[in-house]
């Protein structure tokens, strides 16, 4: 499903069709290990699910370039054993037939030693024509950002909780709206363990989203993409 002309939602990724660029956000590799250290027992299947989902996208789209919008790893002040292993495996997978660009997220404080093992540089942003891609934890001030018309960010992990009687379910979603005069697209987390921030009931963390979200459009991702209209209409359900 196209979220904007030329940019398609495919699974939890965005595909810029003309240039064959796949954009992925917020993998948070290592989060599973951290949860288990904290005594939260979850199945050791999250990394396999992430890898399987990536392989499906690569097979389907055959991208020339892949951009990770930040928060490739999870732990701030250290590199866990699982982060070393998992990140190298994912880098090898993504670099096999595509150029890989990693953007720095707020969790990627010490990602550089891992990326250097595979000769991958970490950048602050990526600019393509009138599209500017960054993590989204702060608003850039460079001229490329100022000149751009479309902004793609991660960081927020948008999700939405839908109710049916007593039952509630939280779904990952893409958002499309405005940041000042620019079109803003917000991507969900690619990690299945991080469902995200409920945009109806929880406080937003990205400065791009500290605004009234009523006119933002919602694209829920489950087994396929569902267009749910605007936030203000969902509030009435």
Protein backbone atom coordinates (compact mmCIF):
# COMPACT_ATOMS: atom_id res chain seq x y z
CA UNK A 1 0.00 0.00 0.00
CA UNK A 2 1.36 3.44 -0.92
CA UNK A 3 1.60 5.82 2.01
CA UNK A 4 2.64 8.61 -0.34
CA UNK A 5 3.25 8.59 -4.09
CA UNK A 6 6.32 6.47 -4.81
CA UNK A 7 6.72 5.19 -1.23
CA UNK A 8 5.10 1.91 -0.29
CA UNK A 9 4.46 0.22 3.06
CA UNK A 10 5.72 -3.36 2.83
CA UNK A 11 5.42 -5.28 6.09
CA UNK A 12 7.14 -3.13 8.72
CA UNK A 13 9.35 -1.48 6.11
CA UNK A 14 9.04 1.37 3.65
CA UNK A 15 10.09 0.93 0.03
CA UNK A 16 11.08 3.92 -2.09
CA UNK A 17 10.16 2.34 -5.39
CA UNK A 18 12.02 4.34 -8.05
CA UNK A 19 15.41 4.07 -6.33
CA UNK A 20 14.66 0.60 -4.85
CA UNK A 21 15.52 1.70 -1.30
CA UNK A 22 14.23 -0.29 1.68
CA UNK A 23 13.89 1.62 4.96
CA UNK A 24 13.77 -0.27 8.28
CA UNK A 25 13.40 1.25 11.74
CA UNK A 26 14.21 0.45 15.36
CA UNK A 27 15.32 -3.19 15.46
CA UNK A 28 16.52 -2.86 19.07
CA UNK A 29 18.67 -5.98 18.80
CA UNK A 30 19.70 -7.17 22.26
CA UNK A 31 16.43 -6.17 23.92
CA UNK A 32 15.45 -9.80 24.35
CA UNK A 33 18.64 -10.54 26.33
CA UNK A 34 18.13 -7.46 28.52
CA UNK A 35 14.57 -8.54 29.40
CA UNK A 36 15.78 -11.99 30.42
CA UNK A 37 18.50 -10.43 32.60
CA UNK A 38 15.73 -8.48 34.32
CA UNK A 39 13.88 -11.72 35.05
CA UNK A 40 11.27 -11.33 32.32
CA UNK A 41 11.05 -14.70 30.61
CA UNK A 42 10.22 -14.43 26.93
CA UNK A 43 10.70 -17.04 24.20
CA UNK A 44 14.13 -16.92 22.56
CA UNK A 45 12.59 -16.49 19.12
CA UNK A 46 12.58 -12.74 18.55
CA UNK A 47 15.85 -12.57 16.61
CA UNK A 48 14.78 -15.43 14.34
CA UNK A 49 11.51 -13.62 13.66
CA UNK A 50 13.34 -10.37 12.81
CA UNK A 51 15.75 -12.21 10.51
CA UNK A 52 12.95 -14.17 8.81
CA UNK A 53 10.94 -10.98 8.21
CA UNK A 54 13.99 -9.26 6.73
CA UNK A 55 14.71 -12.19 4.45
CA UNK A 56 11.13 -12.09 3.14
CA UNK A 57 11.44 -8.37 2.35
CA UNK A 58 14.79 -8.84 0.63
CA UNK A 59 13.46 -11.69 -1.48
CA UNK A 60 10.32 -9.77 -2.44
CA UNK A 61 11.83 -6.31 -3.06
CA UNK A 62 15.47 -6.97 -4.03
CA UNK A 63 16.51 -3.49 -2.82
CA UNK A 64 19.63 -1.77 -4.11
CA UNK A 65 20.04 0.13 -0.85
CA UNK A 66 18.88 -0.48 2.73
CA UNK A 67 18.61 2.26 5.36
CA UNK A 68 18.21 1.55 9.07
CA UNK A 69 16.82 4.68 10.72
CA UNK A 70 18.54 4.12 14.08
CA UNK A 71 18.25 2.11 17.28
CA UNK A 72 19.84 -0.89 15.58
CA UNK A 73 20.92 -2.02 19.08
CA UNK A 74 19.18 -1.62 22.42
CA UNK A 75 21.60 -1.24 25.33
CA UNK A 76 22.97 2.28 25.83
CA UNK A 77 26.22 1.89 27.76
CA UNK A 78 27.51 -1.51 26.76
CA UNK A 79 27.53 -4.07 23.97
CA UNK A 80 25.93 -7.32 25.06
CA UNK A 81 26.96 -10.71 23.71
CA UNK A 82 23.75 -11.05 21.75
CA UNK A 83 24.15 -7.57 20.25
CA UNK A 84 27.61 -8.46 18.91
CA UNK A 85 26.38 -11.68 17.34
CA UNK A 86 23.00 -10.56 16.11
CA UNK A 87 24.05 -7.21 14.65
CA UNK A 88 26.92 -8.78 12.70
CA UNK A 89 24.56 -11.44 11.33
CA UNK A 90 22.03 -8.82 10.23
CA UNK A 91 24.71 -6.61 8.67
CA UNK A 92 26.04 -9.60 6.72
CA UNK A 93 22.52 -10.46 5.56
CA UNK A 94 21.71 -6.90 4.46
CA UNK A 95 25.06 -6.28 2.76
CA UNK A 96 24.95 -9.47 0.74
CA UNK A 97 23.29 -7.86 -2.28
CA UNK A 98 22.61 -4.25 -1.20
CA UNK A 99 24.37 -1.14 -0.01
CA UNK A 100 23.74 -0.66 3.72
CA UNK A 101 23.40 2.70 5.45
CA UNK A 102 22.97 2.88 9.23
CA UNK A 103 21.65 6.07 10.81
CA UNK A 104 22.43 6.79 14.44
CA UNK A 105 19.62 6.47 16.98
CA UNK A 106 19.65 7.45 20.64
CA UNK A 107 20.28 3.81 21.61
CA UNK A 108 23.27 3.53 19.25
CA UNK A 109 25.79 5.28 21.51
CA UNK A 110 28.38 2.53 21.07
CA UNK A 111 27.30 0.86 17.85
CA UNK A 112 30.41 2.05 15.99
CA UNK A 113 32.78 -0.78 17.16
CA UNK A 114 30.36 -3.38 15.72
CA UNK A 115 29.74 -1.51 12.45
CA UNK A 116 33.49 -1.05 11.92
CA UNK A 117 33.91 -4.83 11.93
CA UNK A 118 32.03 -4.85 8.62
CA UNK A 119 33.34 -1.52 7.35
CA UNK A 120 29.93 0.18 7.66
CA UNK A 121 29.80 3.88 8.53
CA UNK A 122 27.13 5.35 10.79
CA UNK A 123 25.51 8.58 9.59
CA UNK A 124 23.21 11.14 11.17
CA UNK A 125 20.79 11.35 8.24
CA UNK A 126 20.18 10.33 4.65
CA UNK A 127 18.99 12.75 1.96
CA UNK A 128 17.40 11.69 -1.32
CA UNK A 129 15.98 14.40 -3.57
CA UNK A 130 13.24 16.00 -1.41
CA UNK A 131 13.23 13.14 1.18
CA UNK A 132 15.12 13.40 4.47
CA UNK A 133 15.49 10.30 6.67
CA UNK A 134 16.65 10.50 10.30
CA UNK A 135 16.01 8.81 13.63
CA UNK A 136 13.58 11.36 15.05
CA UNK A 137 14.85 11.91 18.60
CA UNK A 138 15.66 15.53 17.75
CA UNK A 139 14.80 17.97 14.98
CA UNK A 140 17.81 18.55 12.68
CA UNK A 141 18.93 22.06 11.79
CA UNK A 142 21.02 21.43 8.67
CA UNK A 143 20.11 22.96 5.33
CA UNK A 144 19.23 19.58 3.79
CA UNK A 145 16.50 19.16 6.38
CA UNK A 146 15.24 22.68 5.73
CA UNK A 147 15.10 22.05 1.98
CA UNK A 148 13.29 18.68 2.28
CA UNK A 149 9.57 18.22 1.74
CA UNK A 150 9.19 14.66 3.10
CA UNK A 151 10.60 13.50 6.45
CA UNK A 152 10.83 9.83 7.46
CA UNK A 153 11.58 9.02 11.11
CA UNK A 154 11.52 6.14 13.58
CA UNK A 155 12.10 6.52 17.35
CA UNK A 156 8.46 6.84 18.38
CA UNK A 157 7.37 3.23 17.65
CA UNK A 158 3.78 4.34 16.94
CA UNK A 159 1.00 1.92 17.80
CA UNK A 160 -2.70 2.10 18.39
CA UNK A 161 -4.98 0.20 20.77
CA UNK A 162 -8.33 -0.90 19.39
CA UNK A 163 -11.18 -2.05 21.61
CA UNK A 164 -14.01 -4.48 20.97
CA UNK A 165 -16.12 -4.97 24.06
CA UNK A 166 -13.77 -5.91 26.92
CA UNK A 167 -11.03 -6.94 24.50
CA UNK A 168 -8.11 -4.60 23.74
CA UNK A 169 -5.34 -5.15 21.21
CA UNK A 170 -2.34 -2.96 20.41
CA UNK A 171 -1.19 -2.81 16.79
CA UNK A 172 1.93 -1.33 15.25
CA UNK A 173 1.19 1.40 12.76
CA UNK A 174 2.66 3.94 10.38
CA UNK A 175 1.63 7.57 10.74
CA UNK A 176 1.45 10.21 8.03
CA UNK A 177 0.88 13.84 8.84
CA UNK A 178 2.58 17.21 8.86
CA UNK A 179 5.54 18.70 10.65
CA UNK A 180 5.18 22.41 9.95
CA UNK A 181 5.11 22.56 6.12
CA UNK A 182 6.65 19.11 5.57
CA UNK A 183 5.00 15.73 5.13
CA UNK A 184 6.01 13.49 8.04
CA UNK A 185 6.04 9.68 7.96
CA UNK A 186 6.63 7.86 11.25
CA UNK A 187 7.68 4.19 11.14
CA UNK A 188 6.93 1.44 13.66
CA UNK A 189 9.58 -0.69 15.36
CA UNK A 190 10.78 -3.75 13.44
CA UNK A 191 11.24 -5.65 16.72
CA UNK A 192 8.20 -7.80 17.66
CA UNK A 193 8.86 -7.31 21.42
CA UNK A 194 8.49 -3.50 21.23
CA UNK A 195 4.81 -2.85 20.40
CA UNK A 196 5.23 0.90 20.74
CA UNK A 197 3.63 4.08 22.02
CA UNK A 198 -0.16 4.14 21.89
CA UNK A 199 -0.79 7.42 20.09
CA UNK A 200 -4.30 7.67 21.56
CA UNK A 201 -3.42 7.16 25.23
CA UNK A 202 0.30 7.65 25.81
CA UNK A 203 2.63 10.64 25.71
CA UNK A 204 4.65 11.02 22.53
CA UNK A 205 8.45 11.13 22.84
CA UNK A 206 9.59 12.45 19.46
CA UNK A 207 9.74 16.25 19.19
CA UNK A 208 8.23 15.85 15.71
CA UNK A 209 5.05 14.55 17.35
CA UNK A 210 4.65 17.05 20.19
CA UNK A 211 1.64 18.50 18.43
CA UNK A 212 -2.02 17.76 17.81
CA UNK A 213 -2.14 14.44 15.96
CA UNK A 214 -5.85 14.52 15.07
CA UNK A 215 -5.21 14.93 11.33
CA UNK A 216 -2.50 12.28 11.13
CA UNK A 217 -3.45 9.26 9.05
CA UNK A 218 -3.03 5.77 10.50
CA UNK A 219 -1.87 2.68 8.63
CA UNK A 220 -2.09 -0.42 10.84
CA UNK A 221 0.23 -3.33 10.09
CA UNK A 222 -0.89 -6.85 10.93
CA UNK A 223 -0.95 -9.67 8.36
CA UNK A 224 -1.30 -6.86 5.79
CA UNK A 225 -1.63 -3.08 5.84
CA UNK A 226 -4.98 -1.53 6.80
CA UNK A 227 -5.79 2.14 6.25
CA UNK A 228 -7.70 3.37 9.32
CA UNK A 229 -8.28 7.00 8.42
CA UNK A 230 -7.37 9.91 10.67
CA UNK A 231 -6.64 9.83 14.37
CA UNK A 232 -9.61 12.08 15.11
CA UNK A 233 -11.95 9.58 13.45
CA UNK A 234 -10.47 6.62 15.35
CA UNK A 235 -11.07 8.47 18.63
CA UNK A 236 -14.80 8.35 17.87
CA UNK A 237 -14.90 4.55 17.53
